């Protein structure tokens, strides 16, 4: 997932002139990219969800000292990448998929605010 996240950073810079740097502010840049992608008629949803979802997941994993795992998505039988943080599972790839397919009601800013409210302060890095 870290490799996909790095590819997302490079793609954001090269193709969208956006800076993704694992900062909380980069959520806005990521959401702007997803808005542009959702307007594209020839989008590869699986690839784009994995690419941008990996970045979102890495941002959360690093911020909260979490870990990646494969686990079933709630209500589904298929295992998907998730970030485990303090007993909570976050599904960033599925969140990006929903953002791309359902539009504004699934914006990343709201999701990030909810996660921040639920998980509290970021992990301290020594």
C-alpha atoms as a PDB file:
ATOM      1  CA  UNK A   1       0.000   0.000   0.000  1.00  0.00           C
ATOM      2  CA  UNK A   2       2.940   2.309   0.645  1.00  0.00           C
ATOM      3  CA  UNK A   3       4.022   1.856  -2.981  1.00  0.00           C
ATOM      4  CA  UNK A   4       0.575   2.818  -4.237  1.00  0.00           C
ATOM      5  CA  UNK A   5       0.569   5.834  -1.918  1.00  0.00           C
ATOM      6  CA  UNK A   6       3.913   6.961  -3.345  1.00  0.00           C
ATOM      7  CA  UNK A   7       2.540   6.520  -6.875  1.00  0.00           C
ATOM      8  CA  UNK A   8      -0.456   8.660  -5.878  1.00  0.00           C
ATOM      9  CA  UNK A   9       1.873  11.422  -4.688  1.00  0.00           C
ATOM     10  CA  UNK A  10       3.784  11.332  -7.968  1.00  0.00           C
ATOM     11  CA  UNK A  11       0.601  11.205 -10.077  1.00  0.00           C
ATOM     12  CA  UNK A  12      -0.961  14.083  -8.148  1.00  0.00           C
ATOM     13  CA  UNK A  13       2.063  16.233  -8.876  1.00  0.00           C
ATOM     14  CA  UNK A  14       2.602  15.212 -12.506  1.00  0.00           C
ATOM     15  CA  UNK A  15      -0.984  15.015 -13.738  1.00  0.00           C
ATOM     16  CA  UNK A  16      -2.982  17.282 -11.416  1.00  0.00           C
ATOM     17  CA  UNK A  17      -0.406  19.780 -10.107  1.00  0.00           C
ATOM     18  CA  UNK A  18      -1.482  18.953  -6.568  1.00  0.00           C
ATOM     19  CA  UNK A  19       0.775  18.389  -3.574  1.00  0.00           C
ATOM     20  CA  UNK A  20       0.120  15.313  -1.475  1.00  0.00           C
ATOM     21  CA  UNK A  21       2.470  15.296   1.524  1.00  0.00           C
ATOM     22  CA  UNK A  22       0.584  13.398   4.260  1.00  0.00           C
ATOM     23  CA  UNK A  23      -0.525  16.660   5.840  1.00  0.00           C
ATOM     24  CA  UNK A  24      -4.103  17.227   6.931  1.00  0.00           C
ATOM     25  CA  UNK A  25      -4.306  19.949   4.286  1.00  0.00           C
ATOM     26  CA  UNK A  26      -3.597  17.403   1.551  1.00  0.00           C
ATOM     27  CA  UNK A  27      -7.092  15.938   2.121  1.00  0.00           C
ATOM     28  CA  UNK A  28      -8.431  18.953   0.213  1.00  0.00           C
ATOM     29  CA  UNK A  29      -6.060  18.318  -2.691  1.00  0.00           C
ATOM     30  CA  UNK A  30      -6.969  14.643  -2.767  1.00  0.00           C
ATOM     31  CA  UNK A  31     -10.674  15.451  -2.781  1.00  0.00           C
ATOM     32  CA  UNK A  32     -10.161  17.882  -5.686  1.00  0.00           C
ATOM     33  CA  UNK A  33      -8.446  15.139  -7.691  1.00  0.00           C
ATOM     34  CA  UNK A  34     -11.325  12.758  -6.995  1.00  0.00           C
ATOM     35  CA  UNK A  35     -13.856  15.340  -8.175  1.00  0.00           C
ATOM     36  CA  UNK A  36     -11.977  15.600 -11.476  1.00  0.00           C
ATOM     37  CA  UNK A  37     -11.765  11.824 -11.797  1.00  0.00           C
ATOM     38  CA  UNK A  38     -15.451  11.299 -11.060  1.00  0.00           C
ATOM     39  CA  UNK A  39     -16.258  13.480 -14.082  1.00  0.00           C
ATOM     40  CA  UNK A  40     -14.185  11.235 -16.365  1.00  0.00           C
ATOM     41  CA  UNK A  41     -16.242   8.799 -18.472  1.00  0.00           C
ATOM     42  CA  UNK A  42     -13.356   6.327 -18.847  1.00  0.00           C
ATOM     43  CA  UNK A  43     -12.326   5.836 -15.238  1.00  0.00           C
ATOM     44  CA  UNK A  44     -10.879   2.540 -14.011  1.00  0.00           C
ATOM     45  CA  UNK A  45     -12.649   2.493 -10.639  1.00  0.00           C
ATOM     46  CA  UNK A  46     -10.669  -0.403  -9.210  1.00  0.00           C
ATOM     47  CA  UNK A  47      -7.289   1.114 -10.004  1.00  0.00           C
ATOM     48  CA  UNK A  48      -8.174   4.707  -9.060  1.00  0.00           C
ATOM     49  CA  UNK A  49      -9.780   3.582  -5.799  1.00  0.00           C
ATOM     50  CA  UNK A  50      -6.697   1.566  -4.883  1.00  0.00           C
ATOM     51  CA  UNK A  51      -4.267   4.333  -5.911  1.00  0.00           C
ATOM     52  CA  UNK A  52      -5.925   7.241  -4.087  1.00  0.00           C
ATOM     53  CA  UNK A  53      -7.308   5.114  -1.263  1.00  0.00           C
ATOM     54  CA  UNK A  54      -3.795   3.928  -0.493  1.00  0.00           C
ATOM     55  CA  UNK A  55      -2.672   7.513  -0.083  1.00  0.00           C
ATOM     56  CA  UNK A  56      -5.614   8.274   2.205  1.00  0.00           C
ATOM     57  CA  UNK A  57      -4.881   5.114   4.172  1.00  0.00           C
ATOM     58  CA  UNK A  58      -1.183   5.905   4.516  1.00  0.00           C
ATOM     59  CA  UNK A  59      -2.015   9.394   5.749  1.00  0.00           C
ATOM     60  CA  UNK A  60      -4.253   7.871   8.430  1.00  0.00           C
ATOM     61  CA  UNK A  61      -1.867   5.019   9.225  1.00  0.00           C
ATOM     62  CA  UNK A  62       1.039   7.398   9.760  1.00  0.00           C
ATOM     63  CA  UNK A  63      -1.021   9.982  11.658  1.00  0.00           C
ATOM     64  CA  UNK A  64      -2.403   7.440  14.123  1.00  0.00           C
ATOM     65  CA  UNK A  65       0.396   4.827  14.142  1.00  0.00           C
ATOM     66  CA  UNK A  66      -1.927   2.242  12.631  1.00  0.00           C
ATOM     67  CA  UNK A  67      -1.295  -0.793  10.473  1.00  0.00           C
ATOM     68  CA  UNK A  68      -2.608  -2.183   7.205  1.00  0.00           C
ATOM     69  CA  UNK A  69      -4.552  -5.437   7.211  1.00  0.00           C
ATOM     70  CA  UNK A  70      -6.848  -7.353   4.895  1.00  0.00           C
ATOM     71  CA  UNK A  71     -10.311  -7.730   6.370  1.00  0.00           C
ATOM     72  CA  UNK A  72     -13.873  -8.189   5.114  1.00  0.00           C
ATOM     73  CA  UNK A  73     -15.691  -4.945   4.387  1.00  0.00           C
ATOM     74  CA  UNK A  74     -18.802  -4.725   6.612  1.00  0.00           C
ATOM     75  CA  UNK A  75     -21.645  -6.511   4.873  1.00  0.00           C
ATOM     76  CA  UNK A  76     -19.335  -8.085   2.321  1.00  0.00           C
ATOM     77  CA  UNK A  77     -17.557 -11.381   1.953  1.00  0.00           C
ATOM     78  CA  UNK A  78     -14.468 -10.069   0.162  1.00  0.00           C
ATOM     79  CA  UNK A  79     -11.392  -8.973   2.105  1.00  0.00           C
ATOM     80  CA  UNK A  80     -10.197  -5.452   1.347  1.00  0.00           C
ATOM     81  CA  UNK A  81      -7.309  -3.328   2.649  1.00  0.00           C
ATOM     82  CA  UNK A  82      -8.100  -1.588   5.915  1.00  0.00           C
ATOM     83  CA  UNK A  83      -6.155   0.533   8.375  1.00  0.00           C
ATOM     84  CA  UNK A  84      -6.423  -0.658  11.966  1.00  0.00           C
ATOM     85  CA  UNK A  85      -6.043   2.099  14.551  1.00  0.00           C
ATOM     86  CA  UNK A  86      -6.656   1.585  18.271  1.00  0.00           C
ATOM     87  CA  UNK A  87      -9.229  -1.129  17.657  1.00  0.00           C
ATOM     88  CA  UNK A  88     -11.017   0.760  14.870  1.00  0.00           C
ATOM     89  CA  UNK A  89     -10.906  -0.314  11.243  1.00  0.00           C
ATOM     90  CA  UNK A  90     -10.906   2.322   8.531  1.00  0.00           C
ATOM     91  CA  UNK A  91     -11.556   1.444   4.883  1.00  0.00           C
ATOM     92  CA  UNK A  92      -9.857   4.196   2.862  1.00  0.00           C
ATOM     93  CA  UNK A  93      -9.947   2.347  -0.480  1.00  0.00           C
ATOM     94  CA  UNK A  94     -13.683   1.781  -0.117  1.00  0.00           C
ATOM     95  CA  UNK A  95     -14.145   5.413   0.959  1.00  0.00           C
ATOM     96  CA  UNK A  96     -12.438   6.608  -2.217  1.00  0.00           C
ATOM     97  CA  UNK A  97     -14.553   4.199  -4.263  1.00  0.00           C
ATOM     98  CA  UNK A  98     -17.695   5.646  -2.678  1.00  0.00           C
ATOM     99  CA  UNK A  99     -16.415   9.193  -3.302  1.00  0.00           C
ATOM    100  CA  UNK A 100     -15.891   8.411  -6.961  1.00  0.00           C
ATOM    101  CA  UNK A 101     -19.239   6.686  -7.435  1.00  0.00           C
ATOM    102  CA  UNK A 102     -21.562   8.572  -5.072  1.00  0.00           C
ATOM    103  CA  UNK A 103     -20.230  12.113  -5.313  1.00  0.00           C
ATOM    104  CA  UNK A 104     -20.214  14.976  -2.859  1.00  0.00           C
ATOM    105  CA  UNK A 105     -22.133  13.233  -0.088  1.00  0.00           C
ATOM    106  CA  UNK A 106     -19.031  11.066   0.408  1.00  0.00           C
ATOM    107  CA  UNK A 107     -16.508  13.931   0.539  1.00  0.00           C
ATOM    108  CA  UNK A 108     -13.170  13.218   2.169  1.00  0.00           C
ATOM    109  CA  UNK A 109     -13.136  16.353   4.318  1.00  0.00           C
ATOM    110  CA  UNK A 110     -16.187  15.160   6.242  1.00  0.00           C
ATOM    111  CA  UNK A 111     -14.732  11.667   6.542  1.00  0.00           C
ATOM    112  CA  UNK A 112     -11.416  13.006   7.831  1.00  0.00           C
ATOM    113  CA  UNK A 113     -13.198  15.242  10.360  1.00  0.00           C
ATOM    114  CA  UNK A 114     -15.215  12.269  11.617  1.00  0.00           C
ATOM    115  CA  UNK A 115     -12.080  10.128  11.949  1.00  0.00           C
ATOM    116  CA  UNK A 116     -10.226  12.924  13.765  1.00  0.00           C
ATOM    117  CA  UNK A 117     -13.144  13.427  16.142  1.00  0.00           C
ATOM    118  CA  UNK A 118     -13.419   9.705  16.833  1.00  0.00           C
ATOM    119  CA  UNK A 119      -9.720   8.904  17.194  1.00  0.00           C
ATOM    120  CA  UNK A 120      -8.587  12.137  18.803  1.00  0.00           C
ATOM    121  CA  UNK A 121      -5.017  13.323  18.771  1.00  0.00           C
ATOM    122  CA  UNK A 122      -2.486  11.841  16.380  1.00  0.00           C
ATOM    123  CA  UNK A 123       0.140   9.445  17.652  1.00  0.00           C
ATOM    124  CA  UNK A 124       3.270  11.040  19.074  1.00  0.00           C
ATOM    125  CA  UNK A 125       6.349  10.403  16.966  1.00  0.00           C
ATOM    126  CA  UNK A 126       9.595  10.052  18.919  1.00  0.00           C
END
